[in-house]
Amino acid sequence: MKVDVYDTYAAGSDGGTIHFDVLVPTGTSPEVAFRHACKWLSTVGLNDAELKQSRCNFCHTESASEKVASDIEADGFHIIRMEGCPAS
């Protein structure tokens, strides 16, 4: 499975940066990737984080690992946590 990677940044309520990647099936629109980013922020308790469409940008396409493909089949997306993200 090929996936598109959206490099995403949000501003936390404490002023810190929340950086993560949203992985979605290749060809998914930027608007759908953005909605998945918003959904994920809510599910990890960061629903007060400020996220703008302009901060959720297509980065590249890559082959999905089995775990990523499984998450996408179940949820429609996979998140790679980077800077400022809560522990899983």
Protein backbone atom coordinates (compact mmCIF):
# COMPACT_ATOMS: atom_id res chain seq x y z
CA MET A 1 0.00 0.00 0.00
CA LYS A 2 1.23 3.48 -0.88
CA VAL A 3 0.46 6.34 1.50
CA ASP A 4 0.69 10.11 1.31
CA VAL A 5 2.43 11.81 4.23
CA TYR A 6 1.15 15.17 5.46
CA ASP A 7 3.62 17.10 7.63
CA THR A 8 1.44 18.76 10.27
CA TYR A 9 1.97 21.44 12.93
CA ALA A 10 -0.46 22.70 15.56
CA ALA A 11 -0.09 25.25 18.34
CA GLY A 12 -0.75 23.88 21.80
CA SER A 13 -2.72 25.88 24.36
CA ASP A 14 0.57 26.33 26.25
CA GLY A 15 2.13 27.97 23.17
CA GLY A 16 4.24 24.93 22.33
CA THR A 17 4.45 23.27 18.94
CA ILE A 18 2.78 19.93 18.23
CA HIS A 19 4.39 18.28 15.20
CA PHE A 20 3.14 15.03 13.69
CA ASP A 21 2.66 13.32 10.35
CA VAL A 22 -0.72 12.18 9.05
CA LEU A 23 -0.47 9.15 6.75
CA VAL A 24 -3.43 8.49 4.46
CA PRO A 25 -4.06 6.39 1.34
CA THR A 26 -2.44 7.89 -1.75
CA GLY A 27 -4.80 10.29 -3.49
CA THR A 28 -6.58 11.41 -0.31
CA SER A 29 -7.45 15.10 -0.47
CA PRO A 30 -5.68 17.62 1.77
CA GLU A 31 -9.04 18.44 3.36
CA VAL A 32 -9.54 14.82 4.45
CA ALA A 33 -5.99 14.64 5.83
CA PHE A 34 -6.71 17.84 7.79
CA ARG A 35 -9.94 16.35 9.22
CA HIS A 36 -8.00 13.27 10.33
CA ALA A 37 -5.42 15.53 12.01
CA CYS A 38 -8.19 17.35 13.89
CA LYS A 39 -9.81 14.06 14.90
CA TRP A 40 -6.51 12.70 16.22
CA LEU A 41 -5.82 15.86 18.25
CA SER A 42 -9.21 15.45 19.90
CA THR A 43 -8.68 11.76 20.68
CA VAL A 44 -5.39 12.48 22.48
CA GLY A 45 -6.86 15.29 24.58
CA LEU A 46 -5.49 18.18 22.50
CA ASN A 47 -8.82 19.43 21.17
CA ASP A 48 -7.84 22.97 22.24
CA ALA A 49 -4.77 22.91 19.96
CA GLU A 50 -4.92 25.36 17.07
CA LEU A 51 -4.55 23.66 13.71
CA LYS A 52 -4.93 25.41 10.37
CA GLN A 53 -5.26 23.76 6.95
CA SER A 54 -2.15 25.69 5.84
CA ARG A 55 -0.12 23.81 8.48
CA CYS A 56 -1.09 20.32 7.21
CA ASN A 57 0.91 19.93 4.00
CA PHE A 58 1.60 17.07 1.63
CA CYS A 59 5.22 16.02 2.05
CA HIS A 60 5.78 12.80 0.09
CA THR A 61 4.48 9.35 -0.81
CA GLU A 62 5.93 6.15 0.64
CA SER A 63 5.20 2.46 1.08
CA ALA A 64 3.26 1.65 4.23
CA SER A 65 4.51 -0.80 6.84
CA GLU A 66 2.13 -3.54 7.97
CA LYS A 67 1.21 -1.54 11.11
CA VAL A 68 0.50 1.63 9.11
CA ALA A 69 -1.58 -0.29 6.56
CA SER A 70 -3.53 -1.98 9.35
CA ASP A 71 -4.27 1.36 11.07
CA ILE A 72 -5.35 2.93 7.78
CA GLU A 73 -7.65 0.01 7.00
CA ALA A 74 -9.23 0.34 10.47
CA ASP A 75 -9.31 4.13 10.93
CA GLY A 76 -8.56 5.71 7.55
CA PHE A 77 -5.27 7.23 8.76
CA HIS A 78 -2.12 6.68 10.83
CA ILE A 79 -0.25 9.24 12.93
CA ILE A 80 3.50 9.46 13.45
CA ARG A 81 4.11 11.46 16.61
CA MET A 82 7.01 13.87 16.66
CA GLU A 83 7.58 17.06 18.62
CA GLY A 84 5.26 18.03 21.47
CA CYS A 85 2.91 15.05 21.12
CA PRO A 86 1.59 13.23 24.18
CA ALA A 87 2.97 9.76 24.82
CA SER A 88 0.83 6.99 23.41
